[in-house]
Amino acid sequence: MAKTDEQAERAERAERGERAEQADPGDRAGTTLGYEQARDELVEVVRRLEAGGTSLEESLALWERGEELAKVCRRWLEGARARLDAALAEEADAEEGAESAPES
């Protein structure tokens, strides 16, 4: 990749990063990432960082993207935990209500 192409790509990534922070942090490409998509991309980012051979600037960009992807995954998992907790609480309330109801 030519130097000017690299600079243009970095500028474009930075611009997308600003827009993503203003919108949803996990929404880099204009669509919200699902958990599996974010996880898979995070695995690839980690693999590339561990493999080495990238410039400092590219490594930093990968690390920043990894942080964003980790946040997306964390939000999905927290949302799933909240839904599970709500369902379990609802089930417990229903069981408690059934036990305390007078028999006819």
C-alpha atoms as a PDB file:
ATOM      1  CA  MET A   1       0.000   0.000   0.000  1.00  0.00           C
ATOM      2  CA  ALA A   2       1.440   3.388  -0.918  1.00  0.00           C
ATOM      3  CA  LYS A   3       2.174   5.921   1.796  1.00  0.00           C
ATOM      4  CA  THR A   4      -0.643   8.222   0.658  1.00  0.00           C
ATOM      5  CA  ASP A   5      -3.067   5.284   0.640  1.00  0.00           C
ATOM      6  CA  GLU A   6      -2.063   4.429   4.214  1.00  0.00           C
ATOM      7  CA  GLN A   7      -2.548   8.020   5.302  1.00  0.00           C
ATOM      8  CA  ALA A   8      -5.939   8.189   3.602  1.00  0.00           C
ATOM      9  CA  GLU A   9      -6.999   4.921   5.244  1.00  0.00           C
ATOM     10  CA  ARG A  10      -5.904   6.166   8.697  1.00  0.00           C
ATOM     11  CA  ALA A  11      -7.783   9.428   8.187  1.00  0.00           C
ATOM     12  CA  GLU A  12     -10.881   7.508   7.139  1.00  0.00           C
ATOM     13  CA  ARG A  13     -10.619   5.225  10.194  1.00  0.00           C
ATOM     14  CA  ALA A  14     -10.218   8.232  12.468  1.00  0.00           C
ATOM     15  CA  GLU A  15     -13.265   9.894  10.893  1.00  0.00           C
ATOM     16  CA  ARG A  16     -15.331   6.723  11.335  1.00  0.00           C
ATOM     17  CA  GLY A  17     -14.105   6.546  14.929  1.00  0.00           C
ATOM     18  CA  GLU A  18     -15.394  10.044  15.675  1.00  0.00           C
ATOM     19  CA  ARG A  19     -18.781   9.243  14.171  1.00  0.00           C
ATOM     20  CA  ALA A  20     -18.923   5.939  16.043  1.00  0.00           C
ATOM     21  CA  GLU A  21     -18.282   7.655  19.377  1.00  0.00           C
ATOM     22  CA  GLN A  22     -21.089  10.107  18.681  1.00  0.00           C
ATOM     23  CA  ALA A  23     -23.464   7.261  17.875  1.00  0.00           C
ATOM     24  CA  ASP A  24     -23.154   3.737  19.253  1.00  0.00           C
ATOM     25  CA  PRO A  25     -19.530   2.844  20.122  1.00  0.00           C
ATOM     26  CA  GLY A  26     -20.058  -0.573  18.543  1.00  0.00           C
ATOM     27  CA  ASP A  27     -21.458   0.917  15.366  1.00  0.00           C
ATOM     28  CA  ARG A  28     -18.322   1.522  13.296  1.00  0.00           C
ATOM     29  CA  ALA A  29     -19.640   0.559   9.880  1.00  0.00           C
ATOM     30  CA  GLY A  30     -23.077   2.114  10.251  1.00  0.00           C
ATOM     31  CA  THR A  31     -24.747  -1.049  11.549  1.00  0.00           C
ATOM     32  CA  THR A  32     -24.869  -2.305  15.104  1.00  0.00           C
ATOM     33  CA  LEU A  33     -22.685  -5.341  15.649  1.00  0.00           C
ATOM     34  CA  GLY A  34     -24.163  -8.468  17.105  1.00  0.00           C
ATOM     35  CA  TYR A  35     -22.365 -10.262  19.907  1.00  0.00           C
ATOM     36  CA  GLU A  36     -20.956 -13.006  17.687  1.00  0.00           C
ATOM     37  CA  GLN A  37     -19.748 -10.521  15.071  1.00  0.00           C
ATOM     38  CA  ALA A  38     -18.018  -8.382  17.689  1.00  0.00           C
ATOM     39  CA  ARG A  39     -16.506 -11.428  19.390  1.00  0.00           C
ATOM     40  CA  ASP A  40     -15.196 -12.856  16.119  1.00  0.00           C
ATOM     41  CA  GLU A  41     -13.692  -9.531  15.081  1.00  0.00           C
ATOM     42  CA  LEU A  42     -12.138  -9.167  18.541  1.00  0.00           C
ATOM     43  CA  VAL A  43     -10.554 -12.607  18.218  1.00  0.00           C
ATOM     44  CA  GLU A  44      -9.070 -11.541  14.871  1.00  0.00           C
ATOM     45  CA  VAL A  45      -7.757  -8.266  16.329  1.00  0.00           C
ATOM     46  CA  VAL A  46      -6.074 -10.154  19.181  1.00  0.00           C
ATOM     47  CA  ARG A  47      -4.601 -12.673  16.746  1.00  0.00           C
ATOM     48  CA  ARG A  48      -3.122  -9.879  14.627  1.00  0.00           C
ATOM     49  CA  LEU A  49      -1.696  -8.098  17.667  1.00  0.00           C
ATOM     50  CA  GLU A  50      -0.162 -11.302  19.025  1.00  0.00           C
ATOM     51  CA  ALA A  51       1.342 -12.155  15.637  1.00  0.00           C
ATOM     52  CA  GLY A  52       3.265  -8.876  15.632  1.00  0.00           C
ATOM     53  CA  GLY A  53       4.813  -7.391  12.534  1.00  0.00           C
ATOM     54  CA  THR A  54       2.555  -4.338  12.542  1.00  0.00           C
ATOM     55  CA  SER A  55       3.684  -0.755  12.860  1.00  0.00           C
ATOM     56  CA  LEU A  56       3.168   1.089  16.124  1.00  0.00           C
ATOM     57  CA  GLU A  57       0.405   3.146  14.553  1.00  0.00           C
ATOM     58  CA  GLU A  58      -1.401   0.062  13.215  1.00  0.00           C
ATOM     59  CA  SER A  59      -0.960  -1.722  16.555  1.00  0.00           C
ATOM     60  CA  LEU A  60      -2.537   1.227  18.359  1.00  0.00           C
ATOM     61  CA  ALA A  61      -5.431   1.291  15.902  1.00  0.00           C
ATOM     62  CA  LEU A  62      -5.948  -2.449  16.419  1.00  0.00           C
ATOM     63  CA  TRP A  63      -5.802  -2.058  20.188  1.00  0.00           C
ATOM     64  CA  GLU A  64      -8.361   0.770  20.104  1.00  0.00           C
ATOM     65  CA  ARG A  65     -10.656  -1.303  17.902  1.00  0.00           C
ATOM     66  CA  GLY A  66     -10.242  -4.223  20.291  1.00  0.00           C
ATOM     67  CA  GLU A  67     -11.280  -2.023  23.216  1.00  0.00           C
ATOM     68  CA  GLU A  68     -14.397  -0.909  21.327  1.00  0.00           C
ATOM     69  CA  LEU A  69     -15.274  -4.497  20.424  1.00  0.00           C
ATOM     70  CA  ALA A  70     -14.779  -5.610  24.031  1.00  0.00           C
ATOM     71  CA  LYS A  71     -17.242  -2.891  25.122  1.00  0.00           C
ATOM     72  CA  VAL A  72     -19.784  -4.117  22.578  1.00  0.00           C
ATOM     73  CA  CYS A  73     -19.414  -7.699  23.841  1.00  0.00           C
ATOM     74  CA  ARG A  74     -19.665  -6.549  27.455  1.00  0.00           C
ATOM     75  CA  ARG A  75     -22.886  -4.615  26.712  1.00  0.00           C
ATOM     76  CA  TRP A  76     -24.421  -7.656  25.005  1.00  0.00           C
ATOM     77  CA  LEU A  77     -23.470  -9.905  27.922  1.00  0.00           C
ATOM     78  CA  GLU A  78     -24.755  -7.412  30.511  1.00  0.00           C
ATOM     79  CA  GLY A  79     -28.016  -7.152  28.576  1.00  0.00           C
ATOM     80  CA  ALA A  80     -28.337 -10.923  28.449  1.00  0.00           C
ATOM     81  CA  ARG A  81     -27.637 -11.139  32.196  1.00  0.00           C
ATOM     82  CA  ALA A  82     -30.288  -8.495  32.917  1.00  0.00           C
ATOM     83  CA  ARG A  83     -32.857 -10.359  30.814  1.00  0.00           C
ATOM     84  CA  LEU A  84     -32.012 -13.638  32.531  1.00  0.00           C
ATOM     85  CA  ASP A  85     -32.222 -12.047  35.990  1.00  0.00           C
ATOM     86  CA  ALA A  86     -35.585 -10.486  35.111  1.00  0.00           C
ATOM     87  CA  ALA A  87     -36.946 -13.806  33.842  1.00  0.00           C
ATOM     88  CA  LEU A  88     -35.748 -15.634  36.964  1.00  0.00           C
ATOM     89  CA  ALA A  89     -37.241 -12.951  39.234  1.00  0.00           C
ATOM     90  CA  GLU A  90     -40.546 -13.155  37.365  1.00  0.00           C
ATOM     91  CA  GLU A  91     -40.554 -16.940  37.718  1.00  0.00           C
ATOM     92  CA  ALA A  92     -39.763 -16.698  41.449  1.00  0.00           C
ATOM     93  CA  ASP A  93     -42.571 -14.154  41.939  1.00  0.00           C
ATOM     94  CA  ALA A  94     -45.013 -16.417  40.097  1.00  0.00           C
ATOM     95  CA  GLU A  95     -44.013 -19.421  42.234  1.00  0.00           C
ATOM     96  CA  GLU A  96     -44.267 -17.369  45.428  1.00  0.00           C
ATOM     97  CA  GLY A  97     -47.694 -16.110  44.394  1.00  0.00           C
ATOM     98  CA  ALA A  98     -48.890 -19.632  43.672  1.00  0.00           C
ATOM     99  CA  GLU A  99     -47.674 -20.893  47.068  1.00  0.00           C
ATOM    100  CA  SER A 100     -49.332 -18.097  49.027  1.00  0.00           C
ATOM    101  CA  ALA A 101     -52.648 -18.208  47.158  1.00  0.00           C
ATOM    102  CA  PRO A 102     -55.505 -19.652  49.247  1.00  0.00           C
ATOM    103  CA  GLU A 103     -56.753 -23.018  48.135  1.00  0.00           C
ATOM    104  CA  SER A 104     -60.358 -23.198  46.962  1.00  0.00           C
END
